[in-house]
Amino acid sequence: MVTKATQRKIGAVLAGGLVLGIGTAATLAAWNDSEFANGTFTAGAFNLEGSTDGTTYANHSTAGTAATLAFTLPAGLVSNMSPSSTVYAGFWVRLAAGTTSAANLTASGATADPAATSNSDHLSYAIYQLDPGATCNAASATGTPVASGATLDALTGATAIPLTAGATATDPGTAVQLCFRVTADAALEPSLVTDATWSFTATSTN
């Protein structure tokens, strides 16, 4: 026989059970959600190329693949240099099609044959940036100084040249003509052949 007291106890237990049940239901009903963010990073393209005639461009990225400048005397060939004579050569540079950033171009190095077996110490040079359409010769070899050297293996006064990227992915940037002027001193030794190499570095500005 269930007494009233017993009923109250059962009711208390059930009430307690209901309280526990409500607490458990609240825990299970908690909401949670997540957000994820993803980014894709694609590097832009960057390529500098040069030309000895302003028409045909290629990469000359190492000393072994350096472009051969076509130096000429005002009246004759570079192989006929004599004391105090000066020779000139043009070289065009531009950012290749597909390049996505403008750049600054700077002369970064000059090397030459050893002075003991060449005329590298008897030849000085200056490099200029010419105005569009100008010709690299004795008459118009003036412009913005880019670099110079009292000898062929020296490099002083390097000045950055701005280069623009092409308007579209299929357009190259605007070409800039550099004019190399090499001058022999009065002590130039006859019959010696001297090789010199100049390097340029383009650094993106974007």
C-alpha atoms as a PDB file:
ATOM      1  CA  MET A   1       0.000   0.000   0.000  1.00  0.00           C
ATOM      2  CA  VAL A   2       1.399   3.358  -1.021  1.00  0.00           C
ATOM      3  CA  THR A   3       0.962   5.946   1.676  1.00  0.00           C
ATOM      4  CA  LYS A   4       0.713   9.704   1.080  1.00  0.00           C
ATOM      5  CA  ALA A   5       4.217  10.112   2.446  1.00  0.00           C
ATOM      6  CA  THR A   6       5.519   7.586  -0.031  1.00  0.00           C
ATOM      7  CA  GLN A   7       3.684   9.362  -2.842  1.00  0.00           C
ATOM      8  CA  ARG A   8       5.325  12.603  -1.841  1.00  0.00           C
ATOM      9  CA  LYS A   9       8.772  10.954  -1.985  1.00  0.00           C
ATOM     10  CA  ILE A  10       8.086   9.505  -5.433  1.00  0.00           C
ATOM     11  CA  GLY A  11       6.803  12.875  -6.540  1.00  0.00           C
ATOM     12  CA  ALA A  12       9.971  14.490  -5.221  1.00  0.00           C
ATOM     13  CA  VAL A  13      12.166  12.002  -7.064  1.00  0.00           C
ATOM     14  CA  LEU A  14      10.216  12.511 -10.274  1.00  0.00           C
ATOM     15  CA  ALA A  15      10.412  16.236  -9.824  1.00  0.00           C
ATOM     16  CA  GLY A  16      14.137  15.904  -9.338  1.00  0.00           C
ATOM     17  CA  GLY A  17      14.309  13.709 -12.397  1.00  0.00           C
ATOM     18  CA  LEU A  18      12.429  16.289 -14.389  1.00  0.00           C
ATOM     19  CA  VAL A  19      14.847  18.970 -13.252  1.00  0.00           C
ATOM     20  CA  LEU A  20      17.781  16.825 -14.299  1.00  0.00           C
ATOM     21  CA  GLY A  21      16.031  16.081 -17.578  1.00  0.00           C
ATOM     22  CA  ILE A  22      15.559  19.788 -18.291  1.00  0.00           C
ATOM     23  CA  GLY A  23      19.212  20.433 -17.535  1.00  0.00           C
ATOM     24  CA  THR A  24      20.346  17.666 -19.891  1.00  0.00           C
ATOM     25  CA  ALA A  25      18.061  18.898 -22.662  1.00  0.00           C
ATOM     26  CA  ALA A  26      19.514  22.434 -22.370  1.00  0.00           C
ATOM     27  CA  THR A  27      23.064  21.098 -22.783  1.00  0.00           C
ATOM     28  CA  LEU A  28      22.218  19.028 -25.822  1.00  0.00           C
ATOM     29  CA  ALA A  29      20.389  21.938 -27.458  1.00  0.00           C
ATOM     30  CA  ALA A  30      23.426  24.296 -27.393  1.00  0.00           C
ATOM     31  CA  TRP A  31      24.131  25.746 -30.881  1.00  0.00           C
ATOM     32  CA  ASN A  32      27.563  25.966 -32.512  1.00  0.00           C
ATOM     33  CA  ASP A  33      28.718  27.045 -35.951  1.00  0.00           C
ATOM     34  CA  SER A  34      32.035  27.706 -37.784  1.00  0.00           C
ATOM     35  CA  GLU A  35      33.401  30.073 -40.442  1.00  0.00           C
ATOM     36  CA  PHE A  36      36.438  29.395 -42.674  1.00  0.00           C
ATOM     37  CA  ALA A  37      38.343  31.901 -44.802  1.00  0.00           C
ATOM     38  CA  ASN A  38      40.564  30.981 -47.736  1.00  0.00           C
ATOM     39  CA  GLY A  39      43.013  33.095 -49.747  1.00  0.00           C
ATOM     40  CA  THR A  40      44.871  32.313 -52.977  1.00  0.00           C
ATOM     41  CA  PHE A  41      48.088  34.210 -53.661  1.00  0.00           C
ATOM     42  CA  THR A  42      49.476  34.315 -57.193  1.00  0.00           C
ATOM     43  CA  ALA A  43      52.823  36.011 -57.820  1.00  0.00           C
ATOM     44  CA  GLY A  44      52.979  38.495 -60.670  1.00  0.00           C
ATOM     45  CA  ALA A  45      55.207  37.959 -63.704  1.00  0.00           C
ATOM     46  CA  PHE A  46      58.453  39.906 -64.089  1.00  0.00           C
ATOM     47  CA  ASN A  47      60.872  39.758 -67.005  1.00  0.00           C
ATOM     48  CA  LEU A  48      63.481  42.202 -68.318  1.00  0.00           C
ATOM     49  CA  GLU A  49      64.730  41.894 -71.897  1.00  0.00           C
ATOM     50  CA  GLY A  50      67.185  43.753 -74.098  1.00  0.00           C
ATOM     51  CA  SER A  51      67.974  44.508 -77.728  1.00  0.00           C
ATOM     52  CA  THR A  52      71.014  45.756 -79.621  1.00  0.00           C
ATOM     53  CA  ASP A  53      68.915  47.209 -82.444  1.00  0.00           C
ATOM     54  CA  GLY A  54      65.696  48.286 -80.747  1.00  0.00           C
ATOM     55  CA  THR A  55      63.685  45.723 -82.719  1.00  0.00           C
ATOM     56  CA  THR A  56      64.617  42.170 -81.738  1.00  0.00           C
ATOM     57  CA  TYR A  57      64.459  41.539 -77.996  1.00  0.00           C
ATOM     58  CA  ALA A  58      65.720  38.573 -75.980  1.00  0.00           C
ATOM     59  CA  ASN A  59      66.786  37.650 -72.474  1.00  0.00           C
ATOM     60  CA  HIS A  60      70.466  38.126 -71.610  1.00  0.00           C
ATOM     61  CA  SER A  61      70.296  37.079 -67.984  1.00  0.00           C
ATOM     62  CA  THR A  62      73.889  35.872 -67.460  1.00  0.00           C
ATOM     63  CA  ALA A  63      77.363  37.046 -68.407  1.00  0.00           C
ATOM     64  CA  GLY A  64      77.626  34.040 -70.712  1.00  0.00           C
ATOM     65  CA  THR A  65      74.558  35.134 -72.672  1.00  0.00           C
ATOM     66  CA  ALA A  66      75.366  38.860 -72.675  1.00  0.00           C
ATOM     67  CA  ALA A  67      74.285  40.815 -75.738  1.00  0.00           C
ATOM     68  CA  THR A  68      77.210  41.905 -77.932  1.00  0.00           C
ATOM     69  CA  LEU A  69      77.103  45.670 -78.360  1.00  0.00           C
ATOM     70  CA  ALA A  70      77.838  46.982 -81.848  1.00  0.00           C
ATOM     71  CA  PHE A  71      80.345  49.733 -81.071  1.00  0.00           C
ATOM     72  CA  THR A  72      81.285  51.993 -83.968  1.00  0.00           C
ATOM     73  CA  LEU A  73      83.692  54.861 -84.429  1.00  0.00           C
ATOM     74  CA  PRO A  74      82.406  58.095 -85.929  1.00  0.00           C
ATOM     75  CA  ALA A  75      84.291  57.111 -89.088  1.00  0.00           C
ATOM     76  CA  GLY A  76      85.409  53.497 -89.006  1.00  0.00           C
ATOM     77  CA  LEU A  77      85.156  50.316 -86.990  1.00  0.00           C
ATOM     78  CA  VAL A  78      85.675  49.675 -83.305  1.00  0.00           C
ATOM     79  CA  SER A  79      88.691  47.472 -84.179  1.00  0.00           C
ATOM     80  CA  ASN A  80      90.509  50.631 -85.285  1.00  0.00           C
ATOM     81  CA  MET A  81      90.501  52.435 -81.932  1.00  0.00           C
ATOM     82  CA  SER A  82      93.425  54.743 -81.369  1.00  0.00           C
ATOM     83  CA  PRO A  83      94.511  56.939 -78.446  1.00  0.00           C
ATOM     84  CA  SER A  84      91.812  59.454 -77.456  1.00  0.00           C
ATOM     85  CA  SER A  85      89.190  57.988 -79.825  1.00  0.00           C
ATOM     86  CA  THR A  86      85.600  57.334 -78.710  1.00  0.00           C
ATOM     87  CA  VAL A  87      83.165  54.624 -79.782  1.00  0.00           C
ATOM     88  CA  TYR A  88      79.404  54.394 -79.281  1.00  0.00           C
ATOM     89  CA  ALA A  89      76.781  51.652 -79.011  1.00  0.00           C
ATOM     90  CA  GLY A  90      73.061  51.659 -78.285  1.00  0.00           C
ATOM     91  CA  PHE A  91      71.260  49.102 -76.147  1.00  0.00           C
ATOM     92  CA  TRP A  92      67.501  49.007 -75.572  1.00  0.00           C
ATOM     93  CA  VAL A  93      65.813  47.582 -72.478  1.00  0.00           C
ATOM     94  CA  ARG A  94      62.162  47.006 -71.650  1.00  0.00           C
ATOM     95  CA  LEU A  95      59.875  44.911 -69.496  1.00  0.00           C
ATOM     96  CA  ALA A  96      58.628  41.909 -71.445  1.00  0.00           C
ATOM     97  CA  ALA A  97      54.987  41.275 -72.271  1.00  0.00           C
ATOM     98  CA  GLY A  98      53.182  39.685 -69.348  1.00  0.00           C
ATOM     99  CA  THR A  99      55.169  41.626 -66.745  1.00  0.00           C
ATOM    100  CA  THR A 100      52.724  42.896 -64.143  1.00  0.00           C
ATOM    101  CA  SER A 101      54.834  45.453 -62.300  1.00  0.00           C
ATOM    102  CA  ALA A 102      56.746  48.592 -63.191  1.00  0.00           C
ATOM    103  CA  ALA A 103      60.430  48.599 -62.265  1.00  0.00           C
ATOM    104  CA  ASN A 104      63.563  50.621 -61.709  1.00  0.00           C
ATOM    105  CA  LEU A 105      66.601  49.641 -63.784  1.00  0.00           C
ATOM    106  CA  THR A 106      70.076  50.178 -62.328  1.00  0.00           C
ATOM    107  CA  ALA A 107      73.567  49.400 -63.603  1.00  0.00           C
ATOM    108  CA  SER A 108      74.792  46.823 -61.101  1.00  0.00           C
ATOM    109  CA  GLY A 109      78.224  45.710 -62.273  1.00  0.00           C
ATOM    110  CA  ALA A 110      81.100  46.150 -64.721  1.00  0.00           C
ATOM    111  CA  THR A 111      83.842  43.616 -65.434  1.00  0.00           C
ATOM    112  CA  ALA A 112      86.681  43.562 -67.963  1.00  0.00           C
ATOM    113  CA  ASP A 113      89.767  41.634 -68.995  1.00  0.00           C
ATOM    114  CA  PRO A 114      92.764  41.977 -66.654  1.00  0.00           C
ATOM    115  CA  ALA A 115      94.733  45.174 -67.193  1.00  0.00           C
ATOM    116  CA  ALA A 116      97.969  43.209 -67.553  1.00  0.00           C
ATOM    117  CA  THR A 117      96.788  41.656 -70.817  1.00  0.00           C
ATOM    118  CA  SER A 118      94.325  44.239 -72.136  1.00  0.00           C
ATOM    119  CA  ASN A 119      93.522  47.933 -72.390  1.00  0.00           C
ATOM    120  CA  SER A 120      90.898  47.845 -69.648  1.00  0.00           C
ATOM    121  CA  ASP A 121      92.803  50.487 -67.653  1.00  0.00           C
ATOM    122  CA  HIS A 122      93.132  52.733 -70.713  1.00  0.00           C
ATOM    123  CA  LEU A 123      89.426  52.778 -71.590  1.00  0.00           C
ATOM    124  CA  SER A 124      86.768  54.754 -69.727  1.00  0.00           C
ATOM    125  CA  TYR A 125      83.032  54.689 -70.310  1.00  0.00           C
ATOM    126  CA  ALA A 126      79.790  56.528 -69.695  1.00  0.00           C
ATOM    127  CA  ILE A 127      76.228  55.262 -70.133  1.00  0.00           C
ATOM    128  CA  TYR A 128      73.308  57.580 -70.841  1.00  0.00           C
ATOM    129  CA  GLN A 129      69.568  57.204 -71.168  1.00  0.00           C
ATOM    130  CA  LEU A 130      68.606  58.810 -74.471  1.00  0.00           C
ATOM    131  CA  ASP A 131      65.396  60.610 -75.302  1.00  0.00           C
ATOM    132  CA  PRO A 132      62.963  58.634 -77.500  1.00  0.00           C
ATOM    133  CA  GLY A 133      64.087  58.681 -81.112  1.00  0.00           C
ATOM    134  CA  ALA A 134      67.618  59.886 -80.366  1.00  0.00           C
ATOM    135  CA  THR A 135      70.640  58.192 -81.955  1.00  0.00           C
ATOM    136  CA  CYS A 136      73.612  56.926 -80.003  1.00  0.00           C
ATOM    137  CA  ASN A 137      76.530  58.610 -81.738  1.00  0.00           C
ATOM    138  CA  ALA A 138      78.969  61.490 -81.342  1.00  0.00           C
ATOM    139  CA  ALA A 139      76.367  64.039 -82.349  1.00  0.00           C
ATOM    140  CA  SER A 140      73.652  63.060 -79.897  1.00  0.00           C
ATOM    141  CA  ALA A 141      75.226  60.846 -77.256  1.00  0.00           C
ATOM    142  CA  THR A 142      73.904  62.966 -74.416  1.00  0.00           C
ATOM    143  CA  GLY A 143      71.070  62.370 -72.036  1.00  0.00           C
ATOM    144  CA  THR A 144      70.439  61.320 -68.456  1.00  0.00           C
ATOM    145  CA  PRO A 145      73.615  59.826 -66.910  1.00  0.00           C
ATOM    146  CA  VAL A 146      73.109  56.198 -65.898  1.00  0.00           C
ATOM    147  CA  ALA A 147      76.615  55.087 -64.861  1.00  0.00           C
ATOM    148  CA  SER A 148      80.265  55.638 -65.662  1.00  0.00           C
ATOM    149  CA  GLY A 149      83.723  54.256 -64.986  1.00  0.00           C
ATOM    150  CA  ALA A 150      87.236  55.657 -65.148  1.00  0.00           C
ATOM    151  CA  THR A 151      88.222  52.146 -66.271  1.00  0.00           C
ATOM    152  CA  LEU A 152      86.149  49.416 -67.855  1.00  0.00           C
ATOM    153  CA  ASP A 153      85.856  47.440 -64.611  1.00  0.00           C
ATOM    154  CA  ALA A 154      84.777  50.414 -62.476  1.00  0.00           C
ATOM    155  CA  LEU A 155      81.212  51.499 -61.784  1.00  0.00           C
ATOM    156  CA  THR A 156      80.242  54.857 -60.316  1.00  0.00           C
ATOM    157  CA  GLY A 157      77.230  57.116 -60.233  1.00  0.00           C
ATOM    158  CA  ALA A 158      74.608  54.456 -60.917  1.00  0.00           C
ATOM    159  CA  THR A 159      71.214  56.118 -61.364  1.00  0.00           C
ATOM    160  CA  ALA A 160      67.896  54.262 -61.485  1.00  0.00           C
ATOM    161  CA  ILE A 161      65.836  54.390 -64.686  1.00  0.00           C
ATOM    162  CA  PRO A 162      62.054  53.874 -64.430  1.00  0.00           C
ATOM    163  CA  LEU A 163      60.584  51.182 -66.683  1.00  0.00           C
ATOM    164  CA  THR A 164      56.865  50.826 -67.310  1.00  0.00           C
ATOM    165  CA  ALA A 165      54.931  47.596 -67.751  1.00  0.00           C
ATOM    166  CA  GLY A 166      52.766  47.020 -70.812  1.00  0.00           C
ATOM    167  CA  ALA A 167      49.194  48.278 -70.899  1.00  0.00           C
ATOM    168  CA  THR A 168      47.904  44.708 -71.299  1.00  0.00           C
ATOM    169  CA  ALA A 169      49.271  41.227 -70.658  1.00  0.00           C
ATOM    170  CA  THR A 170      50.243  40.908 -74.311  1.00  0.00           C
ATOM    171  CA  ASP A 171      52.040  44.257 -74.585  1.00  0.00           C
ATOM    172  CA  PRO A 172      55.691  44.829 -73.644  1.00  0.00           C
ATOM    173  CA  GLY A 173      56.634  47.902 -71.677  1.00  0.00           C
ATOM    174  CA  THR A 174      57.996  51.056 -73.281  1.00  0.00           C
ATOM    175  CA  ALA A 175      61.584  50.552 -74.445  1.00  0.00           C
ATOM    176  CA  VAL A 176      64.378  52.762 -73.112  1.00  0.00           C
ATOM    177  CA  GLN A 177      67.551  53.271 -75.139  1.00  0.00           C
ATOM    178  CA  LEU A 178      70.897  53.329 -73.356  1.00  0.00           C
ATOM    179  CA  CYS A 179      73.922  54.817 -75.076  1.00  0.00           C
ATOM    180  CA  PHE A 180      77.366  53.432 -74.220  1.00  0.00           C
ATOM    181  CA  ARG A 181      80.295  55.747 -74.866  1.00  0.00           C
ATOM    182  CA  VAL A 182      83.809  54.291 -74.480  1.00  0.00           C
ATOM    183  CA  THR A 183      86.867  56.522 -74.749  1.00  0.00           C
ATOM    184  CA  ALA A 184      90.531  55.536 -75.036  1.00  0.00           C
ATOM    185  CA  ASP A 185      93.204  57.504 -73.201  1.00  0.00           C
ATOM    186  CA  ALA A 186      96.507  58.641 -74.642  1.00  0.00           C
ATOM    187  CA  ALA A 187      98.285  55.511 -73.365  1.00  0.00           C
ATOM    188  CA  LEU A 188      96.143  53.020 -75.300  1.00  0.00           C
ATOM    189  CA  GLU A 189      98.351  50.092 -76.265  1.00  0.00           C
ATOM    190  CA  PRO A 190      98.202  48.791 -79.848  1.00  0.00           C
ATOM    191  CA  SER A 191      96.895  45.366 -80.934  1.00  0.00           C
ATOM    192  CA  LEU A 192      95.310  44.429 -77.600  1.00  0.00           C
ATOM    193  CA  VAL A 193      91.750  43.103 -77.550  1.00  0.00           C
ATOM    194  CA  THR A 194      89.668  44.011 -74.506  1.00  0.00           C
ATOM    195  CA  ASP A 195      86.332  42.511 -73.508  1.00  0.00           C
ATOM    196  CA  ALA A 196      84.016  44.200 -71.033  1.00  0.00           C
ATOM    197  CA  THR A 197      80.631  43.204 -69.621  1.00  0.00           C
ATOM    198  CA  TRP A 198      78.040  45.400 -67.914  1.00  0.00           C
ATOM    199  CA  SER A 199      75.141  44.071 -65.876  1.00  0.00           C
ATOM    200  CA  PHE A 200      71.822  45.739 -65.091  1.00  0.00           C
ATOM    201  CA  THR A 201      69.240  44.867 -62.471  1.00  0.00           C
ATOM    202  CA  ALA A 202      65.535  45.662 -62.693  1.00  0.00           C
ATOM    203  CA  THR A 203      63.689  45.857 -59.377  1.00  0.00           C
ATOM    204  CA  SER A 204      59.903  45.855 -59.303  1.00  0.00           C
ATOM    205  CA  THR A 205      58.236  48.903 -57.776  1.00  0.00           C
ATOM    206  CA  ASN A 206      54.780  47.412 -57.052  1.00  0.00           C
END
